[in-house]
Amino acid sequence: VLVDERDRLPIGPVSILAHDGRILGPQDLWLVRPENLGLRADGSVATLAAGLGKGDVVDLAAAKAAAAR
């Protein structure tokens, strides 16, 4: 069980977020070589959106609702 060091109790839910705040699941993760960043499987190129900064907060409920659309 993954726990926090201080209390040794289980940690809460953890999310991996995309650069634009989307919540990612296992099917969304992929490894690429650094020189291929942004190159999509169909050959198109993605551009980097305004990213999240250290300490930024994401409204998870809103992000989940947007992803469901």
PDB file of N, CA and C in Angstrom:
ATOM      1  N   VAL A   1       0.857  -1.181   0.000  1.00  0.00           N
ATOM      2  CA  VAL A   1       0.000   0.000   0.000  1.00  0.00           C
ATOM      3  C   VAL A   1       0.895   1.234   0.000  1.00  0.00           C
ATOM      4  N   LEU A   2       0.625   2.171  -0.890  1.00  0.00           N
ATOM      5  CA  LEU A   2       1.379   3.420  -0.927  1.00  0.00           C
ATOM      6  C   LEU A   2       0.838   4.345   0.157  1.00  0.00           C
ATOM      7  N   VAL A   3       1.729   4.782   1.044  1.00  0.00           N
ATOM      8  CA  VAL A   3       1.333   5.603   2.189  1.00  0.00           C
ATOM      9  C   VAL A   3       2.146   6.893   2.212  1.00  0.00           C
ATOM     10  N   ASP A   4       1.671   7.872   2.998  1.00  0.00           N
ATOM     11  CA  ASP A   4       2.483   9.071   3.188  1.00  0.00           C
ATOM     12  C   ASP A   4       3.495   8.794   4.301  1.00  0.00           C
ATOM     13  N   GLU A   5       4.663   9.397   4.178  1.00  0.00           N
ATOM     14  CA  GLU A   5       5.772   9.100   5.083  1.00  0.00           C
ATOM     15  C   GLU A   5       5.454   9.457   6.528  1.00  0.00           C
ATOM     16  N   ARG A   6       4.791  10.571   6.763  1.00  0.00           N
ATOM     17  CA  ARG A   6       4.571  11.035   8.128  1.00  0.00           C
ATOM     18  C   ARG A   6       3.627  10.140   8.907  1.00  0.00           C
ATOM     19  N   ASP A   7       2.432   9.884   8.364  1.00  0.00           N
ATOM     20  CA  ASP A   7       1.412   9.145   9.109  1.00  0.00           C
ATOM     21  C   ASP A   7       1.384   7.661   8.792  1.00  0.00           C
ATOM     22  N   ARG A   8       2.011   7.279   7.702  1.00  0.00           N
ATOM     23  CA  ARG A   8       2.014   5.880   7.258  1.00  0.00           C
ATOM     24  C   ARG A   8       0.596   5.360   7.018  1.00  0.00           C
ATOM     25  N   LEU A   9      -0.264   6.247   6.509  1.00  0.00           N
ATOM     26  CA  LEU A   9      -1.629   5.888   6.131  1.00  0.00           C
ATOM     27  C   LEU A   9      -1.748   6.011   4.614  1.00  0.00           C
ATOM     28  N   PRO A  10      -2.703   5.291   4.006  1.00  0.00           N
ATOM     29  CA  PRO A  10      -2.828   5.319   2.545  1.00  0.00           C
ATOM     30  C   PRO A  10      -3.023   6.734   2.011  1.00  0.00           C
ATOM     31  N   ILE A  11      -2.421   6.993   0.858  1.00  0.00           N
ATOM     32  CA  ILE A  11      -2.598   8.301   0.228  1.00  0.00           C
ATOM     33  C   ILE A  11      -3.972   8.370  -0.425  1.00  0.00           C
ATOM     34  N   GLY A  12      -4.409   9.563  -0.722  1.00  0.00           N
ATOM     35  CA  GLY A  12      -5.686   9.753  -1.399  1.00  0.00           C
ATOM     36  C   GLY A  12      -5.540   9.535  -2.892  1.00  0.00           C
ATOM     37  N   PRO A  13      -6.610   9.759  -3.636  1.00  0.00           N
ATOM     38  CA  PRO A  13      -6.581   9.566  -5.086  1.00  0.00           C
ATOM     39  C   PRO A  13      -5.503  10.430  -5.747  1.00  0.00           C
ATOM     40  N   VAL A  14      -4.889   9.888  -6.771  1.00  0.00           N
ATOM     41  CA  VAL A  14      -3.848  10.584  -7.521  1.00  0.00           C
ATOM     42  C   VAL A  14      -4.246  10.597  -8.992  1.00  0.00           C
ATOM     43  N   SER A  15      -4.068  11.724  -9.644  1.00  0.00           N
ATOM     44  CA  SER A  15      -4.362  11.825 -11.074  1.00  0.00           C
ATOM     45  C   SER A  15      -3.120  12.267 -11.820  1.00  0.00           C
ATOM     46  N   ILE A  16      -2.969  11.775 -13.027  1.00  0.00           N
ATOM     47  CA  ILE A  16      -1.942  12.270 -13.938  1.00  0.00           C
ATOM     48  C   ILE A  16      -2.658  13.203 -14.898  1.00  0.00           C
ATOM     49  N   LEU A  17      -2.151  14.437 -14.999  1.00  0.00           N
ATOM     50  CA  LEU A  17      -2.803  15.446 -15.822  1.00  0.00           C
ATOM     51  C   LEU A  17      -1.987  15.742 -17.064  1.00  0.00           C
ATOM     52  N   ALA A  18      -2.672  15.974 -18.167  1.00  0.00           N
ATOM     53  CA  ALA A  18      -2.020  16.418 -19.396  1.00  0.00           C
ATOM     54  C   ALA A  18      -1.565  17.861 -19.218  1.00  0.00           C
ATOM     55  N   HIS A  19      -0.756  18.352 -20.151  1.00  0.00           N
ATOM     56  CA  HIS A  19      -0.261  19.730 -20.080  1.00  0.00           C
ATOM     57  C   HIS A  19      -1.385  20.746 -20.022  1.00  0.00           C
ATOM     58  N   ASP A  20      -2.573  20.378 -20.527  1.00  0.00           N
ATOM     59  CA  ASP A  20      -3.705  21.310 -20.549  1.00  0.00           C
ATOM     60  C   ASP A  20      -4.743  21.017 -19.471  1.00  0.00           C
ATOM     61  N   GLY A  21      -4.409  20.130 -18.525  1.00  0.00           N
ATOM     62  CA  GLY A  21      -5.293  19.866 -17.394  1.00  0.00           C
ATOM     63  C   GLY A  21      -6.205  18.670 -17.539  1.00  0.00           C
ATOM     64  N   ARG A  22      -6.236  18.023 -18.724  1.00  0.00           N
ATOM     65  CA  ARG A  22      -7.074  16.827 -18.891  1.00  0.00           C
ATOM     66  C   ARG A  22      -6.565  15.714 -17.988  1.00  0.00           C
ATOM     67  N   ILE A  23      -7.500  14.963 -17.400  1.00  0.00           N
ATOM     68  CA  ILE A  23      -7.143  13.805 -16.584  1.00  0.00           C
ATOM     69  C   ILE A  23      -6.836  12.645 -17.520  1.00  0.00           C
ATOM     70  N   LEU A  24      -5.679  12.018 -17.332  1.00  0.00           N
ATOM     71  CA  LEU A  24      -5.250  10.931 -18.199  1.00  0.00           C
ATOM     72  C   LEU A  24      -5.416   9.590 -17.509  1.00  0.00           C
ATOM     73  N   GLY A  25      -5.835   8.594 -18.268  1.00  0.00           N
ATOM     74  CA  GLY A  25      -5.919   7.223 -17.784  1.00  0.00           C
ATOM     75  C   GLY A  25      -4.815   6.399 -18.424  1.00  0.00           C
ATOM     76  N   PRO A  26      -4.701   5.125 -18.056  1.00  0.00           N
ATOM     77  CA  PRO A  26      -3.633   4.276 -18.602  1.00  0.00           C
ATOM     78  C   PRO A  26      -3.622   4.226 -20.131  1.00  0.00           C
ATOM     79  N   GLN A  27      -4.791   4.256 -20.762  1.00  0.00           N
ATOM     80  CA  GLN A  27      -4.862   4.191 -22.222  1.00  0.00           C
ATOM     81  C   GLN A  27      -4.360   5.467 -22.883  1.00  0.00           C
ATOM     82  N   ASP A  28      -4.211   6.547 -22.111  1.00  0.00           N
ATOM     83  CA  ASP A  28      -3.784   7.831 -22.659  1.00  0.00           C
ATOM     84  C   ASP A  28      -2.272   8.042 -22.603  1.00  0.00           C
ATOM     85  N   LEU A  29      -1.551   7.146 -21.934  1.00  0.00           N
ATOM     86  CA  LEU A  29      -0.118   7.345 -21.718  1.00  0.00           C
ATOM     87  C   LEU A  29       0.699   6.625 -22.785  1.00  0.00           C
ATOM     88  N   TRP A  30       1.771   7.258 -23.242  1.00  0.00           N
ATOM     89  CA  TRP A  30       2.608   6.715 -24.305  1.00  0.00           C
ATOM     90  C   TRP A  30       4.013   7.264 -24.128  1.00  0.00           C
ATOM     91  N   LEU A  31       5.022   6.474 -24.440  1.00  0.00           N
ATOM     92  CA  LEU A  31       6.406   6.945 -24.403  1.00  0.00           C
ATOM     93  C   LEU A  31       6.866   7.277 -25.817  1.00  0.00           C
ATOM     94  N   VAL A  32       7.509   8.431 -25.972  1.00  0.00           N
ATOM     95  CA  VAL A  32       8.072   8.814 -27.270  1.00  0.00           C
ATOM     96  C   VAL A  32       9.485   9.346 -27.052  1.00  0.00           C
ATOM     97  N   ARG A  33      10.262   9.337 -28.104  1.00  0.00           N
ATOM     98  CA  ARG A  33      11.596   9.939 -28.060  1.00  0.00           C
ATOM     99  C   ARG A  33      11.425  11.465 -27.995  1.00  0.00           C
ATOM    100  N   PRO A  34      12.335  12.155 -27.298  1.00  0.00           N
ATOM    101  CA  PRO A  34      12.212  13.615 -27.170  1.00  0.00           C
ATOM    102  C   PRO A  34      12.059  14.336 -28.509  1.00  0.00           C
ATOM    103  N   GLU A  35      12.742  13.851 -29.542  1.00  0.00           N
ATOM    104  CA  GLU A  35      12.654  14.523 -30.842  1.00  0.00           C
ATOM    105  C   GLU A  35      11.287  14.343 -31.502  1.00  0.00           C
ATOM    106  N   ASN A  36      10.445  13.459 -30.965  1.00  0.00           N
ATOM    107  CA  ASN A  36       9.113  13.227 -31.528  1.00  0.00           C
ATOM    108  C   ASN A  36       7.990  13.835 -30.689  1.00  0.00           C
ATOM    109  N   LEU A  37       8.324  14.683 -29.721  1.00  0.00           N
ATOM    110  CA  LEU A  37       7.289  15.315 -28.902  1.00  0.00           C
ATOM    111  C   LEU A  37       6.327  16.094 -29.786  1.00  0.00           C
ATOM    112  N   GLY A  38       5.054  15.885 -29.592  1.00  0.00           N
ATOM    113  CA  GLY A  38       4.021  16.594 -30.340  1.00  0.00           C
ATOM    114  C   GLY A  38       3.645  15.955 -31.659  1.00  0.00           C
ATOM    115  N   LEU A  39       4.415  14.971 -32.118  1.00  0.00           N
ATOM    116  CA  LEU A  39       4.104  14.301 -33.382  1.00  0.00           C
ATOM    117  C   LEU A  39       3.077  13.210 -33.115  1.00  0.00           C
ATOM    118  N   ARG A  40       1.858  13.407 -33.624  1.00  0.00           N
ATOM    119  CA  ARG A  40       0.766  12.461 -33.386  1.00  0.00           C
ATOM    120  C   ARG A  40       0.900  11.240 -34.289  1.00  0.00           C
ATOM    121  N   ALA A  41       0.174  10.174 -33.939  1.00  0.00           N
ATOM    122  CA  ALA A  41       0.205   8.926 -34.708  1.00  0.00           C
ATOM    123  C   ALA A  41      -0.229   9.145 -36.154  1.00  0.00           C
ATOM    124  N   ASP A  42      -1.140  10.114 -36.393  1.00  0.00           N
ATOM    125  CA  ASP A  42      -1.616  10.366 -37.760  1.00  0.00           C
ATOM    126  C   ASP A  42      -0.697  11.298 -38.548  1.00  0.00           C
ATOM    127  N   GLY A  43       0.415  11.718 -37.933  1.00  0.00           N
ATOM    128  CA  GLY A  43       1.379  12.581 -38.607  1.00  0.00           C
ATOM    129  C   GLY A  43       1.191  14.058 -38.352  1.00  0.00           C
ATOM    130  N   SER A  44       0.041  14.452 -37.795  1.00  0.00           N
ATOM    131  CA  SER A  44      -0.167  15.867 -37.482  1.00  0.00           C
ATOM    132  C   SER A  44       0.687  16.237 -36.269  1.00  0.00           C
ATOM    133  N   VAL A  45       0.879  17.527 -36.083  1.00  0.00           N
ATOM    134  CA  VAL A  45       1.735  18.001 -35.002  1.00  0.00           C
ATOM    135  C   VAL A  45       0.904  18.813 -34.013  1.00  0.00           C
ATOM    136  N   ALA A  46       0.995  18.449 -32.740  1.00  0.00           N
ATOM    137  CA  ALA A  46       0.302  19.178 -31.678  1.00  0.00           C
ATOM    138  C   ALA A  46       1.177  20.341 -31.221  1.00  0.00           C
ATOM    139  N   THR A  47       0.534  21.426 -30.812  1.00  0.00           N
ATOM    140  CA  THR A  47       1.268  22.554 -30.252  1.00  0.00           C
ATOM    141  C   THR A  47       0.981  22.629 -28.768  1.00  0.00           C
ATOM    142  N   LEU A  48       1.954  23.061 -28.035  1.00  0.00           N
ATOM    143  CA  LEU A  48       1.852  23.126 -26.586  1.00  0.00           C
ATOM    144  C   LEU A  48       0.905  24.243 -26.171  1.00  0.00           C
ATOM    145  N   ALA A  49      -0.103  23.897 -25.385  1.00  0.00           N
ATOM    146  CA  ALA A  49      -1.037  24.892 -24.853  1.00  0.00           C
ATOM    147  C   ALA A  49      -0.429  25.501 -23.596  1.00  0.00           C
ATOM    148  N   ALA A  50      -1.087  26.493 -23.055  1.00  0.00           N
ATOM    149  CA  ALA A  50      -0.637  27.054 -21.787  1.00  0.00           C
ATOM    150  C   ALA A  50      -0.659  25.940 -20.756  1.00  0.00           C
ATOM    151  N   GLY A  51       0.471  25.639 -20.207  1.00  0.00           N
ATOM    152  CA  GLY A  51       0.588  24.519 -19.290  1.00  0.00           C
ATOM    153  C   GLY A  51       0.215  24.870 -17.870  1.00  0.00           C
ATOM    154  N   LEU A  52       0.206  23.853 -17.052  1.00  0.00           N
ATOM    155  CA  LEU A  52      -0.025  24.045 -15.633  1.00  0.00           C
ATOM    156  C   LEU A  52       1.279  24.456 -14.980  1.00  0.00           C
ATOM    157  N   GLY A  53       1.203  25.349 -14.022  1.00  0.00           N
ATOM    158  CA  GLY A  53       2.382  25.773 -13.287  1.00  0.00           C
ATOM    159  C   GLY A  53       2.436  25.095 -11.934  1.00  0.00           C
ATOM    160  N   LYS A  54       3.583  25.154 -11.310  1.00  0.00           N
ATOM    161  CA  LYS A  54       3.739  24.568  -9.987  1.00  0.00           C
ATOM    162  C   LYS A  54       2.754  25.242  -9.034  1.00  0.00           C
ATOM    163  N   GLY A  55       1.962  24.433  -8.359  1.00  0.00           N
ATOM    164  CA  GLY A  55       0.987  24.953  -7.414  1.00  0.00           C
ATOM    165  C   GLY A  55      -0.368  25.281  -8.022  1.00  0.00           C
ATOM    166  N   ASP A  56      -0.506  25.154  -9.343  1.00  0.00           N
ATOM    167  CA  ASP A  56      -1.807  25.393  -9.971  1.00  0.00           C
ATOM    168  C   ASP A  56      -2.819  24.360  -9.495  1.00  0.00           C
ATOM    169  N   VAL A  57      -4.074  24.742  -9.488  1.00  0.00           N
ATOM    170  CA  VAL A  57      -5.157  23.863  -9.059  1.00  0.00           C
ATOM    171  C   VAL A  57      -6.074  23.609 -10.248  1.00  0.00           C
ATOM    172  N   VAL A  58      -6.499  22.360 -10.396  1.00  0.00           N
ATOM    173  CA  VAL A  58      -7.410  21.989 -11.475  1.00  0.00           C
ATOM    174  C   VAL A  58      -8.740  21.576 -10.865  1.00  0.00           C
ATOM    175  N   ASP A  59      -9.832  22.083 -11.401  1.00  0.00           N
ATOM    176  CA  ASP A  59     -11.169  21.676 -10.971  1.00  0.00           C
ATOM    177  C   ASP A  59     -11.437  20.313 -11.590  1.00  0.00           C
ATOM    178  N   LEU A  60     -11.225  19.237 -10.820  1.00  0.00           N
ATOM    179  CA  LEU A  60     -11.330  17.878 -11.343  1.00  0.00           C
ATOM    180  C   LEU A  60     -12.730  17.561 -11.847  1.00  0.00           C
ATOM    181  N   ALA A  61     -13.760  18.053 -11.169  1.00  0.00           N
ATOM    182  CA  ALA A  61     -15.131  17.787 -11.611  1.00  0.00           C
ATOM    183  C   ALA A  61     -15.371  18.405 -12.985  1.00  0.00           C
ATOM    184  N   ALA A  62     -14.906  19.625 -13.185  1.00  0.00           N
ATOM    185  CA  ALA A  62     -15.076  20.285 -14.481  1.00  0.00           C
ATOM    186  C   ALA A  62     -14.253  19.586 -15.555  1.00  0.00           C
ATOM    187  N   ALA A  63     -13.043  19.160 -15.215  1.00  0.00           N
ATOM    188  CA  ALA A  63     -12.191  18.463 -16.183  1.00  0.00           C
ATOM    189  C   ALA A  63     -12.809  17.129 -16.584  1.00  0.00           C
ATOM    190  N   LYS A  64     -13.385  16.414 -15.619  1.00  0.00           N
ATOM    191  CA  LYS A  64     -14.040  15.137 -15.928  1.00  0.00           C
ATOM    192  C   LYS A  64     -15.260  15.367 -16.819  1.00  0.00           C
ATOM    193  N   ALA A  65     -16.034  16.406 -16.522  1.00  0.00           N
ATOM    194  CA  ALA A  65     -17.221  16.709 -17.323  1.00  0.00           C
ATOM    195  C   ALA A  65     -16.824  17.081 -18.749  1.00  0.00           C
ATOM    196  N   ALA A  66     -15.759  17.865 -18.897  1.00  0.00           N
ATOM    197  CA  ALA A  66     -15.300  18.260 -20.230  1.00  0.00           C
ATOM    198  C   ALA A  66     -14.793  17.054 -21.005  1.00  0.00           C
ATOM    199  N   ALA A  67     -14.115  16.141 -20.331  1.00  0.00           N
ATOM    200  CA  ALA A  67     -13.580  14.942 -20.990  1.00  0.00           C
ATOM    201  C   ALA A  67     -14.701  14.010 -21.430  1.00  0.00           C
ATOM    202  N   ALA A  68     -15.835  14.041 -20.728  1.00  0.00           N
ATOM    203  CA  ALA A  68     -16.955  13.155 -21.041  1.00  0.00           C
ATOM    204  C   ALA A  68     -17.743  13.640 -22.260  1.00  0.00           C
ATOM    205  N   ARG A  69     -17.557  14.901 -22.640  1.00  0.00           N
ATOM    206  CA  ARG A  69     -18.303  15.473 -23.778  1.00  0.00           C
ATOM    207  C   ARG A  69     -17.822  14.944 -25.088  1.00  0.00           C
TER     208      ARG A  69
END
